[in-house]
Amino acid sequence: MLNTYADFAINDAAIPVIPGKKSEAEKFAGADITYSIEAMMGDGKALQSGTSHFLGQNFAQAFEVKYLDQNGQQQHCWTTSWGLSTRMIGAIIMVHGDDQGLVLPPKLAPYQVVIVPIFKTDEEKASVLGTARNLKAELVKANIRVTLDEREGQSPGWKFNDWEMRGVPLRVELGPKDVAKQAAVLARRDRPGREGKISAFLADLPATIESCWRKSSSHCTTRLWPSAKATPTTRKLTTS
């Protein structure tokens, strides 16, 4: 489970971790052995983010948990205990978040892309929403987790800020002029936006999402290993 933790933290949550065995003084009370991953936060401090305990027969003896062995004799179970908790959510927030809110790694983000339509008149609304819905359908076909913000009563600027705080990796801003030019403004959560053709945007989107993950991953790696030039997956993690 320790390796499972490390694989998830590095390759999905883009969090650098140091896995290893806890000292006798720090191991879980009642366990024979405790292993953990220590996630490195933005300020250089470590956060114990996932533990895996070998409990031996200690708890089985205390609670009379037994099994019948192949010789028909009752034996106390040998047990383990492991699992991630909300502390990992805190780690993701502390590692990637900034003063504007959350910054979610694309592999974990509930929505990888949010489309925000911009219009003033009913005529513009019909044109923009029609294009936005078609764009959403194309992204769904490409297995991209996407949402279209059709909420009424909120300005586009309010929606931009709302989705920025939520940490959505990519935001597509689509107005009537963009529809006329078959263009869209793409705003990455990790850098200023740009303008591009919608067709090119669709073709480049998987690579753009991967780029977002690579940037967040390598950024966190250099916090832990300043000399690192590649993503955390290139550094071999061992327990000792």
Protein backbone atom coordinates (compact mmCIF):
# COMPACT_ATOMS: atom_id res chain seq x y z
CA MET A 1 0.00 0.00 0.00
CA LEU A 2 2.91 2.34 0.60
CA ASN A 3 3.86 2.09 -3.08
CA THR A 4 0.20 2.57 -4.05
CA TYR A 5 0.11 5.76 -1.97
CA ALA A 6 3.30 7.08 -3.55
CA ASP A 7 2.11 6.25 -7.08
CA PHE A 8 -1.20 8.07 -6.51
CA ALA A 9 0.41 11.09 -4.86
CA ILE A 10 3.05 11.56 -7.56
CA ASN A 11 1.28 10.49 -10.74
CA ASP A 12 -2.26 11.68 -10.04
CA ALA A 13 -2.11 14.39 -7.37
CA ALA A 14 1.29 15.73 -8.55
CA ILE A 15 2.55 15.84 -4.96
CA PRO A 16 6.18 14.98 -4.15
CA VAL A 17 6.42 12.48 -1.30
CA ILE A 18 9.05 10.68 0.74
CA PRO A 19 7.90 7.12 1.59
CA GLY A 20 9.40 5.11 4.40
CA LYS A 21 9.13 3.34 7.73
CA LYS A 22 8.18 5.18 10.91
CA SER A 23 10.46 5.05 13.92
CA GLU A 24 9.46 3.06 16.99
CA ALA A 25 8.51 6.30 18.74
CA GLU A 26 6.29 7.48 15.86
CA LYS A 27 4.60 4.24 14.80
CA PHE A 28 0.89 3.69 15.40
CA ALA A 29 0.15 2.52 18.95
CA GLY A 30 -0.52 -1.21 18.86
CA ALA A 31 1.09 -1.76 15.46
CA ASP A 32 4.19 -3.84 14.86
CA ILE A 33 5.28 -1.67 11.92
CA THR A 34 4.02 1.62 10.47
CA TYR A 35 4.89 2.92 7.00
CA SER A 36 3.91 6.33 5.66
CA ILE A 37 4.32 8.83 2.86
CA GLU A 38 5.45 12.29 3.89
CA ALA A 39 4.13 14.85 1.42
CA MET A 40 6.21 17.96 0.89
CA MET A 41 4.27 21.20 1.22
CA GLY A 42 5.01 24.49 -0.54
CA ASP A 43 6.83 25.88 2.50
CA GLY A 44 9.16 22.87 2.71
CA LYS A 45 7.39 21.23 5.63
CA ALA A 46 6.32 17.58 5.53
CA LEU A 47 2.76 16.34 6.01
CA GLN A 48 2.10 12.70 6.91
CA SER A 49 -0.45 11.96 4.21
CA GLY A 50 -0.99 8.21 4.15
CA THR A 51 -0.10 5.40 6.55
CA SER A 52 -0.03 1.62 6.28
CA HIS A 53 0.15 -0.42 9.48
CA PHE A 54 1.08 -4.04 10.08
CA LEU A 55 -0.89 -4.83 13.24
CA GLY A 56 0.36 -8.37 13.72
CA GLN A 57 -2.05 -10.26 15.99
CA ASN A 58 -2.33 -7.47 18.54
CA PHE A 59 -5.85 -6.23 17.76
CA ALA A 60 -7.08 -9.70 16.83
CA GLN A 61 -6.13 -10.92 20.31
CA ALA A 62 -7.73 -7.89 21.96
CA PHE A 63 -11.03 -8.34 20.10
CA GLU A 64 -10.94 -12.14 19.68
CA VAL A 65 -10.85 -12.09 15.88
CA LYS A 66 -10.03 -15.63 14.78
CA TYR A 67 -10.03 -17.93 11.77
CA LEU A 68 -10.00 -21.69 11.30
CA ASP A 69 -6.68 -22.90 9.87
CA GLN A 70 -6.17 -25.90 7.55
CA ASN A 71 -5.70 -28.17 10.56
CA GLY A 72 -9.06 -27.16 12.01
CA GLN A 73 -7.50 -25.07 14.76
CA GLN A 74 -8.59 -21.56 15.64
CA GLN A 75 -5.90 -18.92 15.18
CA HIS A 76 -5.86 -15.17 15.80
CA CYS A 77 -5.86 -13.20 12.54
CA TRP A 78 -2.85 -11.30 11.28
CA THR A 79 -4.18 -7.87 10.27
CA THR A 80 -3.23 -4.67 8.50
CA SER A 81 -4.75 -1.19 8.48
CA TRP A 82 -4.45 1.41 5.75
CA GLY A 83 -6.33 4.11 3.89
CA LEU A 84 -6.19 7.71 2.72
CA SER A 85 -8.24 10.36 4.52
CA THR A 86 -9.24 13.99 4.08
CA ARG A 87 -5.68 14.89 4.99
CA MET A 88 -4.73 14.10 1.39
CA ILE A 89 -7.29 16.69 0.25
CA GLY A 90 -5.56 19.18 2.53
CA ALA A 91 -2.23 18.24 1.00
CA ILE A 92 -3.52 18.91 -2.53
CA ILE A 93 -4.82 22.32 -1.44
CA MET A 94 -1.60 23.30 0.33
CA VAL A 95 0.73 22.09 -2.43
CA HIS A 96 -1.10 23.51 -5.45
CA GLY A 97 -3.34 26.31 -4.15
CA ASP A 98 -2.52 30.01 -4.45
CA ASP A 99 -3.97 33.34 -3.33
CA GLN A 100 -6.78 33.02 -5.90
CA GLY A 101 -8.00 29.66 -4.61
CA LEU A 102 -7.61 26.03 -5.60
CA VAL A 103 -5.38 24.76 -8.38
CA LEU A 104 -6.41 21.20 -9.17
CA PRO A 105 -4.24 18.70 -11.04
CA PRO A 106 -6.11 17.80 -14.27
CA LYS A 107 -6.12 14.08 -13.45
CA LEU A 108 -8.11 14.72 -10.24
CA ALA A 109 -10.22 17.74 -11.20
CA PRO A 110 -13.97 16.93 -11.31
CA TYR A 111 -14.13 19.27 -14.32
CA GLN A 112 -11.03 19.61 -16.49
CA VAL A 113 -12.64 22.31 -18.64
CA VAL A 114 -15.35 24.87 -17.97
CA ILE A 115 -17.01 26.80 -20.80
CA VAL A 116 -18.24 30.29 -19.87
CA PRO A 117 -20.57 31.89 -22.47
CA ILE A 118 -20.56 35.68 -22.83
CA PHE A 119 -23.52 37.57 -24.33
CA LYS A 120 -25.77 40.60 -23.84
CA THR A 121 -28.75 40.23 -26.16
CA ASP A 122 -31.09 37.31 -26.77
CA GLU A 123 -29.71 37.02 -30.31
CA GLU A 124 -26.14 36.77 -29.00
CA LYS A 125 -27.30 34.31 -26.34
CA ALA A 126 -28.76 31.93 -28.93
CA SER A 127 -25.63 32.04 -31.08
CA VAL A 128 -23.12 31.72 -28.25
CA LEU A 129 -24.97 28.98 -26.34
CA GLY A 130 -25.47 27.00 -29.54
CA THR A 131 -21.73 27.05 -30.23
CA ALA A 132 -20.89 26.40 -26.58
CA ARG A 133 -23.14 23.34 -26.45
CA ASN A 134 -21.60 21.96 -29.63
CA LEU A 135 -18.14 22.54 -28.17
CA LYS A 136 -19.13 20.75 -24.97
CA ALA A 137 -20.40 17.79 -26.97
CA GLU A 138 -17.09 17.58 -28.84
CA LEU A 139 -15.16 17.60 -25.57
CA VAL A 140 -17.37 14.89 -24.11
CA LYS A 141 -16.62 12.74 -27.17
CA ALA A 142 -12.92 13.30 -26.46
CA ASN A 143 -13.42 11.97 -22.90
CA ILE A 144 -12.78 15.38 -21.37
CA ARG A 145 -14.62 16.18 -18.14
CA VAL A 146 -16.35 19.42 -19.06
CA THR A 147 -19.17 21.64 -17.81
CA LEU A 148 -21.00 24.53 -19.46
CA ASP A 149 -21.85 27.37 -17.07
CA GLU A 150 -25.36 28.42 -18.09
CA ARG A 151 -26.24 30.01 -14.76
CA GLU A 152 -28.47 33.05 -15.05
CA GLY A 153 -28.05 36.23 -13.00
CA GLN A 154 -24.24 36.10 -12.73
CA SER A 155 -21.84 38.16 -14.82
CA PRO A 156 -19.09 36.49 -16.86
CA GLY A 157 -16.48 38.10 -14.60
CA TRP A 158 -18.15 36.62 -11.52
CA LYS A 159 -18.13 33.20 -13.17
CA PHE A 160 -14.45 33.54 -14.12
CA ASN A 161 -13.59 34.24 -10.49
CA ASP A 162 -15.82 31.45 -9.21
CA TRP A 163 -14.25 28.79 -11.42
CA GLU A 164 -10.78 30.13 -10.71
CA MET A 165 -11.38 29.66 -6.98
CA ARG A 166 -12.61 26.13 -7.69
CA GLY A 167 -9.33 25.35 -9.43
CA VAL A 168 -10.60 24.14 -12.81
CA PRO A 169 -7.48 23.64 -14.98
CA LEU A 170 -8.86 25.18 -18.19
CA ARG A 171 -11.51 27.82 -18.82
CA VAL A 172 -12.95 28.58 -22.26
CA GLU A 173 -14.41 32.08 -22.68
CA LEU A 174 -16.80 32.26 -25.63
CA GLY A 175 -18.47 35.48 -26.80
CA PRO A 176 -20.26 36.60 -29.98
CA LYS A 177 -17.07 37.96 -31.57
CA ASP A 178 -15.32 34.66 -30.84
CA VAL A 179 -18.17 32.74 -32.46
CA ALA A 180 -17.96 34.96 -35.55
CA LYS A 181 -14.21 34.34 -35.85
CA GLN A 182 -14.50 30.66 -34.88
CA ALA A 183 -12.11 31.43 -32.04
CA ALA A 184 -12.13 31.14 -28.27
CA VAL A 185 -10.15 32.53 -25.36
CA LEU A 186 -8.47 29.75 -23.43
CA ALA A 187 -7.48 30.59 -19.84
CA ARG A 188 -5.21 28.13 -18.05
CA ARG A 189 -5.40 28.20 -14.28
CA ASP A 190 -1.62 28.22 -14.12
CA ARG A 191 -0.91 31.02 -16.62
CA PRO A 192 -2.60 33.86 -18.64
CA GLY A 193 -4.99 32.93 -21.45
CA ARG A 194 -4.57 33.11 -25.21
CA GLU A 195 -6.74 33.16 -28.33
CA GLY A 196 -6.92 30.36 -30.86
CA LYS A 197 -9.13 28.69 -33.42
CA ILE A 198 -11.74 26.39 -31.91
CA SER A 199 -10.70 23.58 -34.24
CA ALA A 200 -7.08 23.93 -33.16
CA PHE A 201 -8.18 24.16 -29.54
CA LEU A 202 -10.01 20.84 -29.81
CA ALA A 203 -7.03 19.15 -31.44
CA ASP A 204 -4.56 20.51 -28.89
CA LEU A 205 -6.71 20.03 -25.77
CA PRO A 206 -5.39 16.62 -24.63
CA ALA A 207 -1.83 17.91 -24.94
CA THR A 208 -2.78 21.11 -23.12
CA ILE A 209 -4.25 19.16 -20.21
CA GLU A 210 -1.14 17.00 -20.07
CA SER A 211 0.96 20.17 -20.08
CA CYS A 212 -0.97 21.50 -17.09
CA TRP A 213 -0.24 18.31 -15.19
CA ARG A 214 3.43 18.28 -16.21
CA LYS A 215 3.87 21.87 -15.09
CA SER A 216 2.26 21.35 -11.68
CA SER A 217 4.14 18.10 -11.23
CA SER A 218 7.58 19.45 -12.13
CA HIS A 219 6.94 22.63 -10.11
CA CYS A 220 6.32 20.54 -7.00
CA THR A 221 9.30 18.34 -7.74
CA THR A 222 11.72 21.24 -7.70
CA ARG A 223 10.44 22.19 -4.26
CA LEU A 224 11.63 18.85 -2.94
CA TRP A 225 14.58 18.25 -5.28
CA PRO A 226 15.78 21.69 -6.53
CA SER A 227 18.14 20.11 -9.06
CA ALA A 228 15.42 17.98 -10.67
CA LYS A 229 14.72 18.73 -14.32
CA ALA A 230 12.05 16.09 -15.01
CA THR A 231 8.77 14.97 -13.49
CA PRO A 232 8.69 13.06 -10.18
CA THR A 233 8.10 9.78 -11.99
CA THR A 234 11.72 9.77 -13.13
CA ARG A 235 13.02 9.65 -9.55
CA LYS A 236 13.07 6.20 -8.02
CA LEU A 237 11.45 6.05 -4.58
CA THR A 238 12.62 3.40 -2.14
CA THR A 239 11.80 2.57 1.46
CA SER A 240 14.43 2.11 4.13
